[in-house]
């Protein structure tokens, strides 16, 4: 029974697991924010393209 108790109390690797989970969460947030930023930039270029096309058509 003492080996099982030692195994349960052993915290070697717990820190690595915590760092892994933190890195995973940071990655997910970064990917989501980059996707949103990409959509906003695409919308901006689409608006600029439309404005340039309108000015070009009026001349």
PDB file of N, CA and C in Angstrom:
ATOM      1  N   UNK A   1       0.818  -1.197   0.000  1.00  0.00           N
ATOM      2  CA  UNK A   1       0.000   0.000   0.000  1.00  0.00           C
ATOM      3  C   UNK A   1       0.860   1.257   0.000  1.00  0.00           C
ATOM      4  N   UNK A   2       2.038   1.192   0.554  1.00  0.00           N
ATOM      5  CA  UNK A   2       2.869   2.385   0.621  1.00  0.00           C
ATOM      6  C   UNK A   2       3.345   2.824  -0.760  1.00  0.00           C
ATOM      7  N   UNK A   3       3.551   1.888  -1.680  1.00  0.00           N
ATOM      8  CA  UNK A   3       3.976   2.263  -3.038  1.00  0.00           C
ATOM      9  C   UNK A   3       2.878   3.026  -3.748  1.00  0.00           C
ATOM     10  N   UNK A   4       1.635   2.629  -3.524  1.00  0.00           N
ATOM     11  CA  UNK A   4       0.508   3.338  -4.138  1.00  0.00           C
ATOM     12  C   UNK A   4       0.401   4.740  -3.554  1.00  0.00           C
ATOM     13  N   UNK A   5       0.558   4.870  -2.264  1.00  0.00           N
ATOM     14  CA  UNK A   5       0.503   6.180  -1.619  1.00  0.00           C
ATOM     15  C   UNK A   5       1.648   7.065  -2.109  1.00  0.00           C
ATOM     16  N   UNK A   6       2.827   6.499  -2.268  1.00  0.00           N
ATOM     17  CA  UNK A   6       3.964   7.261  -2.795  1.00  0.00           C
ATOM     18  C   UNK A   6       3.692   7.732  -4.220  1.00  0.00           C
ATOM     19  N   UNK A   7       3.098   6.843  -5.012  1.00  0.00           N
ATOM     20  CA  UNK A   7       2.773   7.200  -6.397  1.00  0.00           C
ATOM     21  C   UNK A   7       1.765   8.343  -6.438  1.00  0.00           C
ATOM     22  N   UNK A   8       0.767   8.291  -5.581  1.00  0.00           N
ATOM     23  CA  UNK A   8      -0.263   9.336  -5.557  1.00  0.00           C
ATOM     24  C   UNK A   8       0.325  10.665  -5.100  1.00  0.00           C
ATOM     25  N   UNK A   9       1.237  10.626  -4.159  1.00  0.00           N
ATOM     26  CA  UNK A   9       1.835  11.858  -3.619  1.00  0.00           C
ATOM     27  C   UNK A   9       2.936  12.424  -4.511  1.00  0.00           C
ATOM     28  N   UNK A  10       3.459  11.605  -5.393  1.00  0.00           N
ATOM     29  CA  UNK A  10       4.554  12.031  -6.266  1.00  0.00           C
ATOM     30  C   UNK A  10       4.060  13.110  -7.224  1.00  0.00           C
ATOM     31  N   UNK A  11       4.703  14.258  -7.214  1.00  0.00           N
ATOM     32  CA  UNK A  11       4.288  15.373  -8.052  1.00  0.00           C
ATOM     33  C   UNK A  11       5.294  15.672  -9.157  1.00  0.00           C
ATOM     34  N   UNK A  12       6.224  14.775  -9.419  1.00  0.00           N
ATOM     35  CA  UNK A  12       7.138  14.957 -10.532  1.00  0.00           C
ATOM     36  C   UNK A  12       6.344  14.885 -11.827  1.00  0.00           C
ATOM     37  N   UNK A  13       6.446  15.872 -12.647  1.00  0.00           N
ATOM     38  CA  UNK A  13       5.704  15.878 -13.897  1.00  0.00           C
ATOM     39  C   UNK A  13       4.438  16.715 -13.827  1.00  0.00           C
ATOM     40  N   UNK A  14       3.962  17.010 -12.631  1.00  0.00           N
ATOM     41  CA  UNK A  14       2.764  17.840 -12.507  1.00  0.00           C
ATOM     42  C   UNK A  14       3.028  19.235 -13.061  1.00  0.00           C
ATOM     43  N   UNK A  15       4.216  19.756 -12.814  1.00  0.00           N
ATOM     44  CA  UNK A  15       4.561  21.080 -13.320  1.00  0.00           C
ATOM     45  C   UNK A  15       4.613  21.082 -14.835  1.00  0.00           C
ATOM     46  N   UNK A  16       5.191  20.044 -15.409  1.00  0.00           N
ATOM     47  CA  UNK A  16       5.253  19.949 -16.868  1.00  0.00           C
ATOM     48  C   UNK A  16       3.852  19.891 -17.455  1.00  0.00           C
ATOM     49  N   UNK A  17       2.967  19.181 -16.812  1.00  0.00           N
ATOM     50  CA  UNK A  17       1.585  19.083 -17.277  1.00  0.00           C
ATOM     51  C   UNK A  17       0.899  20.450 -17.192  1.00  0.00           C
ATOM     52  N   UNK A  18       1.135  21.180 -16.126  1.00  0.00           N
ATOM     53  CA  UNK A  18       0.546  22.513 -15.982  1.00  0.00           C
ATOM     54  C   UNK A  18       1.061  23.457 -17.065  1.00  0.00           C
ATOM     55  N   UNK A  19       2.361  23.397 -17.344  1.00  0.00           N
ATOM     56  CA  UNK A  19       2.916  24.237 -18.406  1.00  0.00           C
ATOM     57  C   UNK A  19       2.337  23.838 -19.769  1.00  0.00           C
ATOM     58  N   UNK A  20       2.136  22.561 -19.976  1.00  0.00           N
ATOM     59  CA  UNK A  20       1.550  22.095 -21.226  1.00  0.00           C
ATOM     60  C   UNK A  20       0.131  22.598 -21.411  1.00  0.00           C
ATOM     61  N   UNK A  21      -0.657  22.546 -20.351  1.00  0.00           N
ATOM     62  CA  UNK A  21      -2.037  23.040 -20.424  1.00  0.00           C
ATOM     63  C   UNK A  21      -2.047  24.544 -20.651  1.00  0.00           C
ATOM     64  N   UNK A  22      -1.170  25.272 -19.971  1.00  0.00           N
ATOM     65  CA  UNK A  22      -1.098  26.721 -20.164  1.00  0.00           C
ATOM     66  C   UNK A  22      -0.700  27.054 -21.599  1.00  0.00           C
ATOM     67  N   UNK A  23       0.263  26.337 -22.148  1.00  0.00           N
ATOM     68  CA  UNK A  23       0.689  26.582 -23.526  1.00  0.00           C
ATOM     69  C   UNK A  23      -0.441  26.276 -24.503  1.00  0.00           C
ATOM     70  N   UNK A  24      -1.196  25.224 -24.244  1.00  0.00           N
ATOM     71  CA  UNK A  24      -2.334  24.877 -25.091  1.00  0.00           C
ATOM     72  C   UNK A  24      -3.384  25.982 -25.081  1.00  0.00           C
ATOM     73  N   UNK A  25      -3.718  26.479 -23.908  1.00  0.00           N
ATOM     74  CA  UNK A  25      -4.720  27.537 -23.808  1.00  0.00           C
ATOM     75  C   UNK A  25      -4.253  28.819 -24.489  1.00  0.00           C
ATOM     76  N   UNK A  26      -2.990  29.168 -24.312  1.00  0.00           N
ATOM     77  CA  UNK A  26      -2.445  30.361 -24.964  1.00  0.00           C
ATOM     78  C   UNK A  26      -2.492  30.191 -26.477  1.00  0.00           C
ATOM     79  N   UNK A  27      -2.175  29.003 -26.961  1.00  0.00           N
ATOM     80  CA  UNK A  27      -2.210  28.739 -28.404  1.00  0.00           C
ATOM     81  C   UNK A  27      -3.614  28.878 -28.958  1.00  0.00           C
ATOM     82  N   UNK A  28      -4.588  28.345 -28.256  1.00  0.00           N
ATOM     83  CA  UNK A  28      -5.978  28.429 -28.717  1.00  0.00           C
ATOM     84  C   UNK A  28      -6.430  29.877 -28.791  1.00  0.00           C
ATOM     85  N   UNK A  29      -6.128  30.655 -27.770  1.00  0.00           N
ATOM     86  CA  UNK A  29      -6.515  32.069 -27.762  1.00  0.00           C
ATOM     87  C   UNK A  29      -5.807  32.824 -28.887  1.00  0.00           C
ATOM     88  N   UNK A  30      -4.537  32.540 -29.109  1.00  0.00           N
ATOM     89  CA  UNK A  30      -3.789  33.220 -30.166  1.00  0.00           C
ATOM     90  C   UNK A  30      -4.360  32.884 -31.539  1.00  0.00           C
ATOM     91  N   UNK A  31      -4.680  31.628 -31.771  1.00  0.00           N
ATOM     92  CA  UNK A  31      -5.233  31.225 -33.065  1.00  0.00           C
ATOM     93  C   UNK A  31      -6.586  31.885 -33.293  1.00  0.00           C
ATOM     94  N   UNK A  32      -7.414  31.918 -32.271  1.00  0.00           N
ATOM     95  CA  UNK A  32      -8.728  32.548 -32.414  1.00  0.00           C
ATOM     96  C   UNK A  32      -8.605  34.034 -32.708  1.00  0.00           C
ATOM     97  N   UNK A  33      -7.698  34.725 -32.009  1.00  0.00           N
ATOM     98  CA  UNK A  33      -7.553  36.164 -32.225  1.00  0.00           C
ATOM     99  C   UNK A  33      -6.940  36.458 -33.590  1.00  0.00           C
ATOM    100  N   UNK A  34      -6.029  35.608 -34.053  1.00  0.00           N
ATOM    101  CA  UNK A  34      -5.452  35.805 -35.382  1.00  0.00           C
ATOM    102  C   UNK A  34      -6.497  35.602 -36.467  1.00  0.00           C
ATOM    103  N   UNK A  35      -7.373  34.639 -36.274  1.00  0.00           N
ATOM    104  CA  UNK A  35      -8.448  34.413 -37.235  1.00  0.00           C
ATOM    105  C   UNK A  35      -9.372  35.607 -37.313  1.00  0.00           C
ATOM    106  N   UNK A  36      -9.728  36.164 -36.169  1.00  0.00           N
ATOM    107  CA  UNK A  36     -10.603  37.333 -36.134  1.00  0.00           C
ATOM    108  C   UNK A  36      -9.908  38.534 -36.775  1.00  0.00           C
ATOM    109  N   UNK A  37      -8.641  38.729 -36.473  1.00  0.00           N
ATOM    110  CA  UNK A  37      -7.889  39.840 -37.055  1.00  0.00           C
ATOM    111  C   UNK A  37      -7.795  39.685 -38.565  1.00  0.00           C
ATOM    112  N   UNK A  38      -7.586  38.465 -39.035  1.00  0.00           N
ATOM    113  CA  UNK A  38      -7.512  38.209 -40.471  1.00  0.00           C
ATOM    114  C   UNK A  38      -8.810  38.572 -41.172  1.00  0.00           C
ATOM    115  N   UNK A  39      -9.941  38.239 -40.552  1.00  0.00           N
ATOM    116  CA  UNK A  39     -11.232  38.589 -41.136  1.00  0.00           C
ATOM    117  C   UNK A  39     -11.412  40.104 -41.206  1.00  0.00           C
ATOM    118  N   UNK A  40     -10.997  40.801 -40.158  1.00  0.00           N
ATOM    119  CA  UNK A  40     -11.128  42.258 -40.134  1.00  0.00           C
ATOM    120  C   UNK A  40     -10.244  42.910 -41.198  1.00  0.00           C
ATOM    121  N   UNK A  41      -9.040  42.401 -41.378  1.00  0.00           N
ATOM    122  CA  UNK A  41      -8.143  42.940 -42.405  1.00  0.00           C
ATOM    123  C   UNK A  41      -8.720  42.675 -43.797  1.00  0.00           C
ATOM    124  N   UNK A  42      -9.270  41.501 -44.002  1.00  0.00           N
ATOM    125  CA  UNK A  42      -9.889  41.169 -45.275  1.00  0.00           C
ATOM    126  C   UNK A  42     -11.057  42.113 -45.557  1.00  0.00           C
ATOM    127  N   UNK A  43     -11.871  42.377 -44.555  1.00  0.00           N
ATOM    128  CA  UNK A  43     -12.983  43.319 -44.727  1.00  0.00           C
ATOM    129  C   UNK A  43     -12.484  44.720 -45.052  1.00  0.00           C
ATOM    130  N   UNK A  44     -11.396  45.125 -44.420  1.00  0.00           N
ATOM    131  CA  UNK A  44     -10.824  46.443 -44.690  1.00  0.00           C
ATOM    132  C   UNK A  44     -10.366  46.546 -46.138  1.00  0.00           C
ATOM    133  N   UNK A  45      -9.662  45.542 -46.626  1.00  0.00           N
ATOM    134  CA  UNK A  45      -9.203  45.560 -48.017  1.00  0.00           C
ATOM    135  C   UNK A  45     -10.377  45.527 -48.999  1.00  0.00           C
ATOM    136  N   UNK A  46     -11.418  44.802 -48.648  1.00  0.00           N
ATOM    137  CA  UNK A  46     -12.607  44.774 -49.496  1.00  0.00           C
ATOM    138  C   UNK A  46     -13.247  46.154 -49.565  1.00  0.00           C
ATOM    139  N   UNK A  47     -13.325  46.849 -48.435  1.00  0.00           N
ATOM    140  CA  UNK A  47     -13.879  48.203 -48.416  1.00  0.00           C
ATOM    141  C   UNK A  47     -13.023  49.162 -49.239  1.00  0.00           C
ATOM    142  N   UNK A  48     -11.702  49.049 -49.112  1.00  0.00           N
ATOM    143  CA  UNK A  48     -10.793  49.908 -49.873  1.00  0.00           C
ATOM    144  C   UNK A  48     -10.934  49.626 -51.362  1.00  0.00           C
ATOM    145  N   UNK A  49     -11.023  48.359 -51.725  1.00  0.00           N
ATOM    146  CA  UNK A  49     -11.198  47.982 -53.127  1.00  0.00           C
ATOM    147  C   UNK A  49     -12.486  48.584 -53.690  1.00  0.00           C
ATOM    148  N   UNK A  50     -13.545  48.528 -52.903  1.00  0.00           N
ATOM    149  CA  UNK A  50     -14.816  49.103 -53.346  1.00  0.00           C
ATOM    150  C   UNK A  50     -14.730  50.603 -53.512  1.00  0.00           C
ATOM    151  N   UNK A  51     -14.055  51.271 -52.587  1.00  0.00           N
ATOM    152  CA  UNK A  51     -13.923  52.726 -52.662  1.00  0.00           C
ATOM    153  C   UNK A  51     -13.074  53.131 -53.862  1.00  0.00           C
ATOM    154  N   UNK A  52     -12.004  52.413 -54.115  1.00  0.00           N
ATOM    155  CA  UNK A  52     -11.138  52.729 -55.265  1.00  0.00           C
ATOM    156  C   UNK A  52     -11.918  52.473 -56.558  1.00  0.00           C
ATOM    157  N   UNK A  53     -12.683  51.415 -56.605  1.00  0.00           N
ATOM    158  CA  UNK A  53     -13.468  51.120 -57.797  1.00  0.00           C
ATOM    159  C   UNK A  53     -14.512  52.188 -58.059  1.00  0.00           C
ATOM    160  N   UNK A  54     -15.119  52.705 -57.002  1.00  0.00           N
ATOM    161  CA  UNK A  54     -16.128  53.761 -57.142  1.00  0.00           C
ATOM    162  C   UNK A  54     -15.486  55.039 -57.670  1.00  0.00           C
ATOM    163  N   UNK A  55     -14.323  55.398 -57.132  1.00  0.00           N
ATOM    164  CA  UNK A  55     -13.629  56.611 -57.603  1.00  0.00           C
ATOM    165  C   UNK A  55     -13.203  56.431 -59.040  1.00  0.00           C
ATOM    166  N   UNK A  56     -12.711  55.265 -59.397  1.00  0.00           N
ATOM    167  CA  UNK A  56     -12.262  55.022 -60.765  1.00  0.00           C
ATOM    168  C   UNK A  56     -13.434  55.070 -61.750  1.00  0.00           C
ATOM    169  N   UNK A  57     -14.595  54.587 -61.328  1.00  0.00           N
ATOM    170  CA  UNK A  57     -15.780  54.603 -62.197  1.00  0.00           C
ATOM    171  C   UNK A  57     -16.299  56.026 -62.409  1.00  0.00           C
ATOM    172  N   UNK A  58     -16.108  56.897 -61.455  1.00  0.00           N
ATOM    173  CA  UNK A  58     -16.618  58.267 -61.549  1.00  0.00           C
ATOM    174  C   UNK A  58     -15.701  59.179 -62.372  1.00  0.00           C
ATOM    175  N   UNK A  59     -14.563  58.725 -62.739  1.00  0.00           N
ATOM    176  CA  UNK A  59     -13.651  59.606 -63.477  1.00  0.00           C
ATOM    177  C   UNK A  59     -13.678  59.378 -64.930  1.00  0.00           C
TER     178      UNK A  59
END
